[in-house]
Amino acid sequence: MQEKEGVVKYQCRFTRRALRYDISELNSWRRTLYLLQLVGGGNPSRYNGVGFGNLSQRIDTDSPRHKRRFIITGTQTGELPNLARQHYTLVREHYPEQNLVVAEGTIEPSSESMTHGAIYDISGHIRFVFHVHSPDIWRCARRLAIPTTGRNVEYGTPEMAEEIGRLFRETSARKMQIISMGGHEDGIVSFGKTAEGAGKVLINYFVEALKLTKNKT
């Protein structure tokens, strides 16, 4: 199953309120990934022009699972070359079992908020999650030994949250800091204690995938 991004599949209790958190570090990486075409949208030849890619940053240190707050890019912002504070949202709570997200901001959160929340719930050490679309990494995931979710697991669902947990338990996902989404065309997720850590992992695998693609051709 090849799922396209952009459709919010969870229930959202949303409060319209101005975001006041510092987004500078997260936003600089978002701009970098946009320039690398790992985040984007508006191109009819790619996913029918639908926006893709989302980044998040956890902002607390000691909240319990499902209440680990994080800032995430808003829904359908992928095609914008530059984002401002009004393009980000605060996710306050996330409950995969209820398929529910509680958020606030001036724009509703990304369709992948449940996946980001699931990763933050797994490890208190993870502070950044980057979800991009890379045909090169995705097609080379097996050769790069990247842990991959099941092909029948759709993005933005409770099932994806469960699948993320399985990969952390049964594979080297935690150590590698990267996951391929088998049922979500080109979907790749990296994560780390720092934005630089999550970003470097992603870029390193991007380079390795390009090498494999070049050698194949």
N, C-alpha and C. Protein backbone atom coordinates (compact mmCIF):
# COMPACT_ATOMS: atom_id res chain seq x y z
N MET A 1 0.85 -1.19 0.00
CA MET A 1 0.00 0.00 0.00
C MET A 1 0.89 1.24 0.00
N GLN A 2 0.64 2.13 -0.94
CA GLN A 2 1.43 3.35 -1.02
C GLN A 2 0.57 4.53 -0.62
N GLU A 3 0.82 5.08 0.56
CA GLU A 3 0.00 6.16 1.10
C GLU A 3 0.62 7.52 0.79
N LYS A 4 -0.21 8.44 0.36
CA LYS A 4 0.24 9.81 0.14
C LYS A 4 -0.04 10.64 1.38
N GLU A 5 0.80 11.62 1.60
CA GLU A 5 0.68 12.45 2.80
C GLU A 5 -0.34 13.56 2.62
N GLY A 6 -0.69 14.20 3.74
CA GLY A 6 -1.51 15.40 3.66
C GLY A 6 -2.89 15.26 4.26
N VAL A 7 -3.35 14.04 4.53
CA VAL A 7 -4.68 13.83 5.07
C VAL A 7 -4.57 13.49 6.55
N VAL A 8 -5.17 14.30 7.40
CA VAL A 8 -5.15 14.04 8.84
C VAL A 8 -6.13 12.93 9.16
N LYS A 9 -5.64 11.88 9.82
CA LYS A 9 -6.46 10.69 10.05
C LYS A 9 -6.89 10.53 11.50
N TYR A 10 -6.48 11.43 12.36
CA TYR A 10 -6.85 11.32 13.76
C TYR A 10 -7.86 12.40 14.14
N GLN A 11 -8.46 12.24 15.33
CA GLN A 11 -9.30 13.30 15.88
C GLN A 11 -8.38 14.34 16.51
N CYS A 12 -8.73 15.60 16.37
CA CYS A 12 -7.90 16.66 16.93
C CYS A 12 -8.74 17.63 17.74
N ARG A 13 -8.41 17.76 19.01
CA ARG A 13 -8.98 18.81 19.84
C ARG A 13 -8.04 19.99 19.76
N PHE A 14 -8.46 20.98 19.01
CA PHE A 14 -7.56 22.08 18.66
C PHE A 14 -8.03 23.39 19.26
N THR A 15 -7.10 24.10 19.89
CA THR A 15 -7.36 25.42 20.44
C THR A 15 -6.56 26.45 19.67
N ARG A 16 -7.23 27.46 19.16
CA ARG A 16 -6.53 28.50 18.40
C ARG A 16 -5.87 29.48 19.36
N ARG A 17 -4.54 29.49 19.33
CA ARG A 17 -3.78 30.32 20.26
C ARG A 17 -2.39 30.55 19.67
N ALA A 18 -1.86 31.74 19.82
CA ALA A 18 -0.54 32.06 19.25
C ALA A 18 0.55 31.21 19.90
N LEU A 19 1.44 30.68 19.09
CA LEU A 19 2.57 29.90 19.58
C LEU A 19 3.67 30.85 20.05
N ARG A 20 4.25 30.56 21.22
CA ARG A 20 5.24 31.47 21.78
C ARG A 20 6.64 30.85 21.93
N TYR A 21 6.82 29.66 21.46
CA TYR A 21 8.09 28.97 21.66
C TYR A 21 9.10 29.33 20.57
N ASP A 22 10.38 29.17 20.91
CA ASP A 22 11.47 29.45 19.97
C ASP A 22 11.53 28.34 18.93
N ILE A 23 11.42 28.69 17.68
CA ILE A 23 11.44 27.69 16.60
C ILE A 23 12.71 27.79 15.76
N SER A 24 13.65 28.63 16.14
CA SER A 24 14.78 28.97 15.27
C SER A 24 15.60 27.75 14.85
N GLU A 25 15.96 26.89 15.78
CA GLU A 25 16.78 25.72 15.43
C GLU A 25 16.01 24.75 14.56
N LEU A 26 14.79 24.45 14.95
CA LEU A 26 13.96 23.54 14.17
C LEU A 26 13.71 24.11 12.78
N ASN A 27 13.47 25.39 12.71
CA ASN A 27 13.15 26.02 11.43
C ASN A 27 14.35 26.05 10.49
N SER A 28 15.56 26.18 11.04
CA SER A 28 16.75 26.18 10.18
C SER A 28 16.95 24.82 9.52
N TRP A 29 16.66 23.75 10.28
CA TRP A 29 16.76 22.41 9.69
C TRP A 29 15.63 22.17 8.70
N ARG A 30 14.48 22.70 8.98
CA ARG A 30 13.38 22.55 8.04
C ARG A 30 13.75 23.20 6.71
N ARG A 31 14.35 24.38 6.76
CA ARG A 31 14.78 25.07 5.54
C ARG A 31 15.82 24.25 4.79
N THR A 32 16.77 23.66 5.53
CA THR A 32 17.81 22.83 4.91
C THR A 32 17.19 21.64 4.18
N LEU A 33 16.27 20.96 4.83
CA LEU A 33 15.65 19.78 4.22
C LEU A 33 14.76 20.17 3.04
N TYR A 34 14.18 21.36 3.10
CA TYR A 34 13.40 21.85 1.97
C TYR A 34 14.32 22.06 0.75
N LEU A 35 15.48 22.65 0.98
CA LEU A 35 16.42 22.89 -0.12
C LEU A 35 16.94 21.59 -0.71
N LEU A 36 17.00 20.54 0.11
CA LEU A 36 17.42 19.22 -0.38
C LEU A 36 16.27 18.45 -1.01
N GLN A 37 15.09 19.07 -1.05
CA GLN A 37 13.87 18.48 -1.61
C GLN A 37 13.42 17.23 -0.85
N LEU A 38 13.77 17.18 0.42
CA LEU A 38 13.30 16.11 1.30
C LEU A 38 12.00 16.50 1.99
N VAL A 39 11.70 17.79 1.96
CA VAL A 39 10.43 18.35 2.40
C VAL A 39 9.96 19.25 1.27
N GLY A 40 8.67 19.29 1.00
CA GLY A 40 8.22 20.14 -0.09
C GLY A 40 6.75 19.96 -0.41
N GLY A 41 6.40 20.27 -1.66
CA GLY A 41 5.02 20.18 -2.11
C GLY A 41 4.77 21.14 -3.26
N GLY A 42 3.57 21.05 -3.81
CA GLY A 42 3.19 21.95 -4.89
C GLY A 42 3.67 21.53 -6.27
N ASN A 43 4.34 20.37 -6.35
CA ASN A 43 4.84 19.87 -7.64
C ASN A 43 3.89 18.79 -8.15
N PRO A 44 3.15 19.04 -9.23
CA PRO A 44 2.17 18.06 -9.72
C PRO A 44 2.77 16.71 -10.06
N SER A 45 4.07 16.68 -10.37
CA SER A 45 4.71 15.42 -10.74
C SER A 45 5.15 14.61 -9.53
N ARG A 46 4.98 15.18 -8.34
CA ARG A 46 5.39 14.48 -7.13
C ARG A 46 4.23 14.46 -6.13
N TYR A 47 3.63 13.30 -5.94
CA TYR A 47 2.50 13.13 -5.02
C TYR A 47 1.33 14.05 -5.38
N ASN A 48 1.16 14.31 -6.68
CA ASN A 48 0.05 15.14 -7.16
C ASN A 48 0.03 16.53 -6.53
N GLY A 49 1.20 17.02 -6.15
CA GLY A 49 1.32 18.36 -5.62
C GLY A 49 1.05 18.49 -4.13
N VAL A 50 0.72 17.38 -3.47
CA VAL A 50 0.42 17.42 -2.03
C VAL A 50 1.70 17.69 -1.24
N GLY A 51 1.61 18.51 -0.18
CA GLY A 51 2.76 18.80 0.65
C GLY A 51 3.24 17.57 1.39
N PHE A 52 4.54 17.50 1.64
CA PHE A 52 5.09 16.33 2.33
C PHE A 52 6.24 16.76 3.26
N GLY A 53 6.44 15.97 4.30
CA GLY A 53 7.51 16.20 5.25
C GLY A 53 7.08 17.03 6.44
N ASN A 54 7.57 16.68 7.62
CA ASN A 54 7.25 17.42 8.83
C ASN A 54 8.34 17.21 9.87
N LEU A 55 8.59 18.23 10.67
CA LEU A 55 9.63 18.19 11.69
C LEU A 55 9.05 18.57 13.03
N SER A 56 9.64 18.02 14.10
CA SER A 56 9.15 18.37 15.44
C SER A 56 10.29 18.45 16.43
N GLN A 57 9.99 19.11 17.55
CA GLN A 57 10.95 19.29 18.63
C GLN A 57 10.22 19.16 19.96
N ARG A 58 10.69 18.27 20.81
CA ARG A 58 10.08 18.14 22.14
C ARG A 58 10.52 19.31 23.01
N ILE A 59 9.61 19.85 23.80
CA ILE A 59 9.93 21.07 24.55
C ILE A 59 9.88 20.89 26.06
N ASP A 60 9.52 19.70 26.55
CA ASP A 60 9.55 19.50 27.99
C ASP A 60 10.54 18.39 28.33
N THR A 61 10.75 18.15 29.60
CA THR A 61 11.76 17.18 30.01
C THR A 61 11.25 16.06 30.90
N ASP A 62 10.11 16.26 31.55
CA ASP A 62 9.71 15.28 32.55
C ASP A 62 8.23 14.90 32.51
N SER A 63 7.56 15.14 31.42
CA SER A 63 6.15 14.80 31.33
C SER A 63 5.98 13.29 31.10
N PRO A 64 4.84 12.72 31.55
CA PRO A 64 4.58 11.29 31.33
C PRO A 64 4.24 11.00 29.88
N ARG A 65 4.26 9.73 29.52
CA ARG A 65 3.90 9.31 28.16
C ARG A 65 2.53 9.85 27.79
N HIS A 66 2.36 10.15 26.53
CA HIS A 66 1.15 10.71 25.94
C HIS A 66 0.97 12.20 26.25
N LYS A 67 1.80 12.73 27.14
CA LYS A 67 1.71 14.16 27.46
C LYS A 67 3.06 14.84 27.28
N ARG A 68 3.91 14.24 26.48
CA ARG A 68 5.21 14.83 26.18
C ARG A 68 5.02 15.85 25.06
N ARG A 69 5.03 17.10 25.41
CA ARG A 69 4.69 18.16 24.48
C ARG A 69 5.78 18.38 23.43
N PHE A 70 5.34 18.66 22.21
CA PHE A 70 6.30 18.95 21.15
C PHE A 70 5.71 19.92 20.15
N ILE A 71 6.60 20.71 19.56
CA ILE A 71 6.25 21.62 18.48
C ILE A 71 6.42 20.87 17.17
N ILE A 72 5.46 21.04 16.27
CA ILE A 72 5.54 20.35 14.98
C ILE A 72 5.04 21.27 13.87
N THR A 73 5.56 21.08 12.67
CA THR A 73 5.09 21.85 11.54
C THR A 73 3.60 21.59 11.31
N GLY A 74 2.89 22.62 10.90
CA GLY A 74 1.45 22.51 10.70
C GLY A 74 1.09 21.74 9.44
N THR A 75 -0.15 21.31 9.39
CA THR A 75 -0.62 20.55 8.23
C THR A 75 -0.54 21.39 6.96
N GLN A 76 -0.15 20.74 5.87
CA GLN A 76 -0.09 21.35 4.55
C GLN A 76 0.80 22.60 4.48
N THR A 77 1.96 22.52 5.12
CA THR A 77 2.93 23.60 5.02
C THR A 77 4.15 23.19 4.19
N GLY A 78 4.15 21.94 3.70
CA GLY A 78 5.32 21.42 2.99
C GLY A 78 5.76 22.24 1.81
N GLU A 79 4.82 22.82 1.08
CA GLU A 79 5.18 23.53 -0.14
C GLU A 79 5.76 24.91 0.11
N LEU A 80 5.68 25.40 1.35
CA LEU A 80 6.18 26.74 1.65
C LEU A 80 7.71 26.71 1.80
N PRO A 81 8.44 27.56 1.09
CA PRO A 81 9.91 27.55 1.18
C PRO A 81 10.43 28.03 2.52
N ASN A 82 9.70 28.93 3.17
CA ASN A 82 10.11 29.45 4.46
C ASN A 82 8.91 29.44 5.42
N LEU A 83 9.15 28.98 6.64
CA LEU A 83 8.09 28.95 7.63
C LEU A 83 8.35 29.99 8.71
N ALA A 84 7.28 30.43 9.35
CA ALA A 84 7.35 31.34 10.49
C ALA A 84 6.64 30.68 11.67
N ARG A 85 6.63 31.36 12.80
CA ARG A 85 6.05 30.76 14.00
C ARG A 85 4.60 30.33 13.79
N GLN A 86 3.85 31.06 12.98
CA GLN A 86 2.45 30.72 12.77
C GLN A 86 2.24 29.44 11.98
N HIS A 87 3.32 28.88 11.44
CA HIS A 87 3.23 27.63 10.70
C HIS A 87 3.54 26.41 11.56
N TYR A 88 3.77 26.63 12.84
CA TYR A 88 4.06 25.54 13.78
C TYR A 88 2.94 25.43 14.81
N THR A 89 2.81 24.25 15.37
CA THR A 89 1.75 23.95 16.33
C THR A 89 2.34 23.24 17.55
N LEU A 90 1.73 23.43 18.68
CA LEU A 90 2.12 22.72 19.90
C LEU A 90 1.16 21.55 20.12
N VAL A 91 1.70 20.34 20.11
CA VAL A 91 0.92 19.16 20.48
C VAL A 91 1.10 18.94 21.98
N ARG A 92 0.03 19.05 22.72
CA ARG A 92 0.08 18.94 24.18
C ARG A 92 -0.09 17.50 24.64
N GLU A 93 -0.95 16.75 23.97
CA GLU A 93 -1.24 15.37 24.36
C GLU A 93 -1.51 14.55 23.10
N HIS A 94 -1.23 13.27 23.19
CA HIS A 94 -1.50 12.38 22.06
C HIS A 94 -1.83 10.99 22.61
N TYR A 95 -2.93 10.43 22.14
CA TYR A 95 -3.42 9.15 22.66
C TYR A 95 -3.68 8.20 21.50
N PRO A 96 -2.70 7.38 21.14
CA PRO A 96 -2.88 6.47 20.00
C PRO A 96 -4.09 5.55 20.15
N GLU A 97 -4.34 5.05 21.36
CA GLU A 97 -5.45 4.13 21.54
C GLU A 97 -6.79 4.78 21.21
N GLN A 98 -6.89 6.08 21.44
CA GLN A 98 -8.12 6.81 21.15
C GLN A 98 -8.06 7.53 19.80
N ASN A 99 -6.91 7.43 19.14
CA ASN A 99 -6.69 8.13 17.88
C ASN A 99 -6.95 9.63 18.04
N LEU A 100 -6.41 10.18 19.13
CA LEU A 100 -6.70 11.56 19.51
C LEU A 100 -5.44 12.37 19.75
N VAL A 101 -5.43 13.59 19.21
CA VAL A 101 -4.35 14.55 19.44
C VAL A 101 -4.96 15.83 20.01
N VAL A 102 -4.32 16.38 21.04
CA VAL A 102 -4.74 17.65 21.63
C VAL A 102 -3.66 18.67 21.30
N ALA A 103 -4.04 19.75 20.62
CA ALA A 103 -3.03 20.69 20.13
C ALA A 103 -3.54 22.12 20.21
N GLU A 104 -2.59 23.06 20.08
CA GLU A 104 -2.95 24.47 20.05
C GLU A 104 -1.98 25.23 19.16
N GLY A 105 -2.46 26.30 18.56
CA GLY A 105 -1.64 27.12 17.68
C GLY A 105 -2.52 27.91 16.74
N THR A 106 -1.94 28.37 15.65
CA THR A 106 -2.73 29.08 14.65
C THR A 106 -2.98 28.22 13.42
N ILE A 107 -2.48 26.97 13.45
CA ILE A 107 -2.68 26.03 12.36
C ILE A 107 -2.73 24.63 12.97
N GLU A 108 -3.53 23.75 12.41
CA GLU A 108 -3.63 22.41 12.97
C GLU A 108 -2.36 21.61 12.69
N PRO A 109 -2.05 20.63 13.53
CA PRO A 109 -0.77 19.91 13.41
C PRO A 109 -0.70 18.97 12.22
N SER A 110 0.51 18.59 11.89
CA SER A 110 0.78 17.69 10.78
C SER A 110 0.02 16.37 10.91
N SER A 111 -0.23 15.76 9.76
CA SER A 111 -0.89 14.47 9.72
C SER A 111 -0.07 13.37 10.37
N GLU A 112 1.22 13.62 10.56
CA GLU A 112 2.10 12.61 11.16
C GLU A 112 2.33 12.83 12.65
N SER A 113 1.53 13.66 13.30
CA SER A 113 1.74 13.97 14.72
C SER A 113 1.73 12.73 15.60
N MET A 114 0.88 11.76 15.27
CA MET A 114 0.80 10.54 16.08
C MET A 114 2.11 9.77 16.03
N THR A 115 2.74 9.73 14.87
CA THR A 115 4.02 9.04 14.73
C THR A 115 5.11 9.75 15.54
N HIS A 116 5.16 11.06 15.47
CA HIS A 116 6.15 11.82 16.24
C HIS A 116 5.93 11.57 17.73
N GLY A 117 4.67 11.63 18.17
CA GLY A 117 4.37 11.40 19.58
C GLY A 117 4.78 10.02 20.04
N ALA A 118 4.58 9.01 19.19
CA ALA A 118 4.95 7.65 19.55
C ALA A 118 6.45 7.52 19.78
N ILE A 119 7.25 8.21 18.97
CA ILE A 119 8.70 8.16 19.13
C ILE A 119 9.12 8.85 20.42
N TYR A 120 8.53 10.00 20.71
CA TYR A 120 8.86 10.69 21.96
C TYR A 120 8.45 9.86 23.17
N ASP A 121 7.37 9.12 23.06
CA ASP A 121 6.92 8.28 24.17
C ASP A 121 7.89 7.13 24.45
N ILE A 122 8.55 6.65 23.41
CA ILE A 122 9.44 5.51 23.55
C ILE A 122 10.69 5.86 24.33
N SER A 123 11.23 7.05 24.08
CA SER A 123 12.48 7.44 24.72
C SER A 123 12.46 8.90 25.14
N GLY A 124 12.72 9.14 26.41
CA GLY A 124 12.81 10.50 26.91
C GLY A 124 14.04 11.23 26.41
N HIS A 125 14.99 10.50 25.81
CA HIS A 125 16.22 11.12 25.32
C HIS A 125 16.04 11.74 23.94
N ILE A 126 15.01 11.34 23.23
CA ILE A 126 14.80 11.86 21.88
C ILE A 126 14.14 13.23 21.97
N ARG A 127 14.76 14.20 21.32
CA ARG A 127 14.27 15.58 21.38
C ARG A 127 13.82 16.12 20.02
N PHE A 128 14.23 15.47 18.95
CA PHE A 128 13.87 15.93 17.61
C PHE A 128 13.47 14.74 16.73
N VAL A 129 12.45 14.94 15.91
CA VAL A 129 12.02 13.93 14.94
C VAL A 129 11.83 14.61 13.59
N PHE A 130 12.46 14.06 12.56
CA PHE A 130 12.34 14.61 11.20
C PHE A 130 11.72 13.55 10.30
N HIS A 131 10.59 13.86 9.70
CA HIS A 131 9.96 12.96 8.74
C HIS A 131 10.05 13.59 7.36
N VAL A 132 10.72 12.91 6.45
CA VAL A 132 10.92 13.43 5.10
C VAL A 132 10.46 12.41 4.07
N HIS A 133 10.52 12.82 2.82
CA HIS A 133 10.25 11.90 1.71
C HIS A 133 11.49 11.83 0.84
N SER A 134 12.10 10.67 0.80
CA SER A 134 13.30 10.47 -0.01
C SER A 134 13.14 9.19 -0.82
N PRO A 135 12.84 9.30 -2.12
CA PRO A 135 12.77 8.11 -2.95
C PRO A 135 14.06 7.30 -2.91
N ASP A 136 15.19 7.99 -2.83
CA ASP A 136 16.49 7.30 -2.86
C ASP A 136 16.70 6.45 -1.61
N ILE A 137 16.49 7.03 -0.44
CA ILE A 137 16.67 6.24 0.79
C ILE A 137 15.62 5.13 0.86
N TRP A 138 14.38 5.45 0.54
CA TRP A 138 13.28 4.50 0.66
C TRP A 138 13.51 3.26 -0.21
N ARG A 139 13.96 3.48 -1.44
CA ARG A 139 14.19 2.36 -2.35
C ARG A 139 15.42 1.55 -1.98
N CYS A 140 16.32 2.17 -1.24
CA CYS A 140 17.55 1.47 -0.83
C CYS A 140 17.50 1.00 0.62
N ALA A 141 16.35 1.11 1.26
CA ALA A 141 16.26 0.83 2.69
C ALA A 141 16.76 -0.56 3.05
N ARG A 142 16.41 -1.56 2.26
CA ARG A 142 16.85 -2.92 2.56
C ARG A 142 18.36 -3.04 2.46
N ARG A 143 18.93 -2.49 1.39
CA ARG A 143 20.39 -2.58 1.22
C ARG A 143 21.14 -1.77 2.28
N LEU A 144 20.49 -0.74 2.80
CA LEU A 144 21.11 0.07 3.86
C LEU A 144 20.77 -0.47 5.25
N ALA A 145 20.03 -1.58 5.30
CA ALA A 145 19.65 -2.24 6.56
C ALA A 145 18.85 -1.33 7.48
N ILE A 146 18.03 -0.46 6.90
CA ILE A 146 17.21 0.45 7.69
C ILE A 146 15.95 -0.27 8.17
N PRO A 147 15.67 -0.27 9.46
CA PRO A 147 14.43 -0.89 9.97
C PRO A 147 13.21 -0.30 9.26
N THR A 148 12.28 -1.18 8.87
CA THR A 148 11.16 -0.75 8.03
C THR A 148 9.83 -1.22 8.59
N THR A 149 8.86 -0.32 8.61
CA THR A 149 7.52 -0.69 9.07
C THR A 149 6.83 -1.55 8.02
N GLY A 150 5.78 -2.26 8.45
CA GLY A 150 5.06 -3.15 7.55
C GLY A 150 4.38 -2.39 6.42
N ARG A 151 4.28 -3.02 5.28
CA ARG A 151 3.73 -2.37 4.09
C ARG A 151 2.24 -2.08 4.21
N ASN A 152 1.56 -2.77 5.11
CA ASN A 152 0.12 -2.56 5.28
C ASN A 152 -0.21 -1.57 6.38
N VAL A 153 0.81 -0.95 6.97
CA VAL A 153 0.59 0.00 8.06
C VAL A 153 0.56 1.42 7.49
N GLU A 154 -0.57 2.11 7.65
CA GLU A 154 -0.74 3.43 7.09
C GLU A 154 -0.15 4.51 7.99
N TYR A 155 0.26 5.61 7.39
CA TYR A 155 0.82 6.72 8.15
C TYR A 155 -0.27 7.38 8.99
N GLY A 156 0.15 8.02 10.08
CA GLY A 156 -0.75 8.82 10.88
C GLY A 156 -1.85 8.06 11.59
N THR A 157 -1.62 6.77 11.86
CA THR A 157 -2.64 5.94 12.49
C THR A 157 -2.13 5.34 13.79
N PRO A 158 -3.04 4.84 14.65
CA PRO A 158 -2.61 4.13 15.86
C PRO A 158 -1.76 2.92 15.51
N GLU A 159 -2.05 2.28 14.39
CA GLU A 159 -1.27 1.11 13.97
C GLU A 159 0.18 1.48 13.68
N MET A 160 0.39 2.68 13.11
CA MET A 160 1.76 3.13 12.87
C MET A 160 2.48 3.36 14.19
N ALA A 161 1.78 3.92 15.17
CA ALA A 161 2.39 4.13 16.49
C ALA A 161 2.82 2.80 17.09
N GLU A 162 1.98 1.78 16.95
CA GLU A 162 2.32 0.45 17.46
C GLU A 162 3.51 -0.13 16.71
N GLU A 163 3.53 0.08 15.40
CA GLU A 163 4.62 -0.45 14.58
C GLU A 163 5.95 0.20 14.92
N ILE A 164 5.92 1.49 15.22
CA ILE A 164 7.14 2.18 15.64
C ILE A 164 7.68 1.53 16.91
N GLY A 165 6.80 1.24 17.86
CA GLY A 165 7.21 0.57 19.09
C GLY A 165 7.82 -0.78 18.82
N ARG A 166 7.24 -1.53 17.88
CA ARG A 166 7.78 -2.85 17.53
C ARG A 166 9.20 -2.73 16.98
N LEU A 167 9.42 -1.76 16.11
CA LEU A 167 10.76 -1.60 15.54
C LEU A 167 11.79 -1.26 16.61
N PHE A 168 11.41 -0.44 17.58
CA PHE A 168 12.34 -0.11 18.66
C PHE A 168 12.65 -1.34 19.52
N ARG A 169 11.68 -2.23 19.67
CA ARG A 169 11.91 -3.44 20.48
C ARG A 169 12.68 -4.52 19.74
N GLU A 170 12.41 -4.68 18.46
CA GLU A 170 12.88 -5.86 17.74
C GLU A 170 14.01 -5.59 16.75
N THR A 171 14.32 -4.34 16.49
CA THR A 171 15.36 -4.02 15.50
C THR A 171 16.37 -3.05 16.10
N SER A 172 17.28 -2.61 15.28
CA SER A 172 18.31 -1.66 15.70
C SER A 172 17.90 -0.21 15.47
N ALA A 173 16.59 0.04 15.38
CA ALA A 173 16.11 1.39 15.09
C ALA A 173 16.62 2.42 16.09
N ARG A 174 16.61 2.08 17.37
CA ARG A 174 17.05 3.03 18.39
C ARG A 174 18.50 3.46 18.16
N LYS A 175 19.35 2.51 17.85
CA LYS A 175 20.77 2.81 17.64
C LYS A 175 21.01 3.53 16.31
N MET A 176 20.30 3.12 15.26
CA MET A 176 20.52 3.69 13.94
C MET A 176 19.89 5.07 13.79
N GLN A 177 18.86 5.34 14.58
CA GLN A 177 18.17 6.63 14.59
C GLN A 177 17.47 6.95 13.27
N ILE A 178 17.00 5.91 12.59
CA ILE A 178 16.30 6.11 11.33
C ILE A 178 15.36 4.94 11.09
N ILE A 179 14.21 5.24 10.45
CA ILE A 179 13.20 4.24 10.13
C ILE A 179 12.67 4.53 8.73
N SER A 180 12.40 3.47 7.98
CA SER A 180 11.73 3.61 6.69
C SER A 180 10.28 3.17 6.86
N MET A 181 9.36 3.88 6.23
CA MET A 181 7.93 3.57 6.35
C MET A 181 7.52 2.75 5.13
N GLY A 182 7.42 1.43 5.34
CA GLY A 182 7.21 0.52 4.22
C GLY A 182 5.92 0.74 3.45
N GLY A 183 4.87 1.21 4.12
CA GLY A 183 3.59 1.40 3.46
C GLY A 183 3.29 2.84 3.12
N HIS A 184 4.28 3.71 3.22
CA HIS A 184 4.10 5.15 2.98
C HIS A 184 5.18 5.58 2.00
N GLU A 185 4.83 5.69 0.74
CA GLU A 185 5.80 5.88 -0.33
C GLU A 185 6.82 6.97 -0.01
N ASP A 186 8.11 6.57 -0.01
CA ASP A 186 9.25 7.46 0.18
C ASP A 186 9.41 7.99 1.61
N GLY A 187 8.55 7.55 2.54
CA GLY A 187 8.59 8.07 3.90
C GLY A 187 9.77 7.56 4.72
N ILE A 188 10.55 8.49 5.26
CA ILE A 188 11.71 8.19 6.09
C ILE A 188 11.64 9.06 7.34
N VAL A 189 11.96 8.47 8.49
CA VAL A 189 11.94 9.21 9.75
C VAL A 189 13.29 9.07 10.44
N SER A 190 13.89 10.20 10.83
CA SER A 190 15.10 10.17 11.64
C SER A 190 14.81 10.88 12.96
N PHE A 191 15.65 10.62 13.96
CA PHE A 191 15.40 11.20 15.28
C PHE A 191 16.70 11.23 16.06
N GLY A 192 16.73 12.07 17.09
CA GLY A 192 17.95 12.16 17.88
C GLY A 192 17.80 13.06 19.09
N LYS A 193 18.85 13.10 19.91
CA LYS A 193 18.88 13.96 21.09
C LYS A 193 18.98 15.43 20.70
N THR A 194 19.57 15.69 19.54
CA THR A 194 19.73 17.05 19.05
C THR A 194 19.22 17.15 17.62
N ALA A 195 18.94 18.36 17.18
CA ALA A 195 18.53 18.57 15.80
C ALA A 195 19.67 18.18 14.85
N GLU A 196 20.88 18.53 15.24
CA GLU A 196 22.04 18.18 14.43
C GLU A 196 22.18 16.67 14.30
N GLY A 197 21.95 15.95 15.39
CA GLY A 197 22.05 14.50 15.34
C GLY A 197 21.03 13.90 14.40
N ALA A 198 19.78 14.32 14.51
CA ALA A 198 18.72 13.80 13.63
C ALA A 198 18.99 14.18 12.18
N GLY A 199 19.46 15.41 11.97
CA GLY A 199 19.72 15.88 10.62
C GLY A 199 20.89 15.18 9.96
N LYS A 200 21.98 14.98 10.71
CA LYS A 200 23.17 14.34 10.15
C LYS A 200 22.90 12.88 9.78
N VAL A 201 22.15 12.18 10.63
CA VAL A 201 21.79 10.79 10.31
C VAL A 201 21.06 10.75 8.97
N LEU A 202 20.12 11.63 8.81
CA LEU A 202 19.31 11.67 7.59
C LEU A 202 20.17 11.98 6.37
N ILE A 203 21.01 12.98 6.48
CA ILE A 203 21.84 13.37 5.35
C ILE A 203 22.87 12.29 5.01
N ASN A 204 23.43 11.65 6.03
CA ASN A 204 24.40 10.58 5.78
C ASN A 204 23.76 9.43 5.00
N TYR A 205 22.55 9.03 5.38
CA TYR A 205 21.88 7.96 4.65
C TYR A 205 21.46 8.41 3.27
N PHE A 206 21.13 9.67 3.13
CA PHE A 206 20.79 10.22 1.82
C PHE A 206 21.99 10.10 0.88
N VAL A 207 23.17 10.45 1.37
CA VAL A 207 24.38 10.34 0.57
C VAL A 207 24.68 8.88 0.21
N GLU A 208 24.55 7.98 1.18
CA GLU A 208 24.81 6.57 0.92
C GLU A 208 23.83 6.01 -0.10
N ALA A 209 22.57 6.42 -0.01
CA ALA A 209 21.57 5.96 -0.98
C ALA A 209 21.90 6.45 -2.37
N LEU A 210 22.36 7.69 -2.50
CA LEU A 210 22.73 8.23 -3.80
C LEU A 210 23.91 7.47 -4.39
N LYS A 211 24.83 7.06 -3.54
CA LYS A 211 25.96 6.26 -4.02
C LYS A 211 25.48 4.93 -4.58
N LEU A 212 24.57 4.29 -3.88
CA LEU A 212 24.04 3.00 -4.34
C LEU A 212 23.28 3.17 -5.64
N THR A 213 22.51 4.24 -5.74
CA THR A 213 21.75 4.50 -6.96
C THR A 213 22.67 4.77 -8.13
N LYS A 214 23.73 5.52 -7.90
CA LYS A 214 24.69 5.85 -8.95
C LYS A 214 25.41 4.59 -9.41
N ASN A 215 25.82 3.75 -8.46
CA ASN A 215 26.53 2.52 -8.82
C ASN A 215 25.66 1.57 -9.61
N LYS A 216 24.36 1.60 -9.30
CA LYS A 216 23.42 0.72 -10.01
C LYS A 216 23.24 1.13 -11.45
N THR A 217 23.28 2.47 -11.68
CA THR A 217 23.09 2.96 -13.03
C THR A 217 24.40 2.96 -13.82
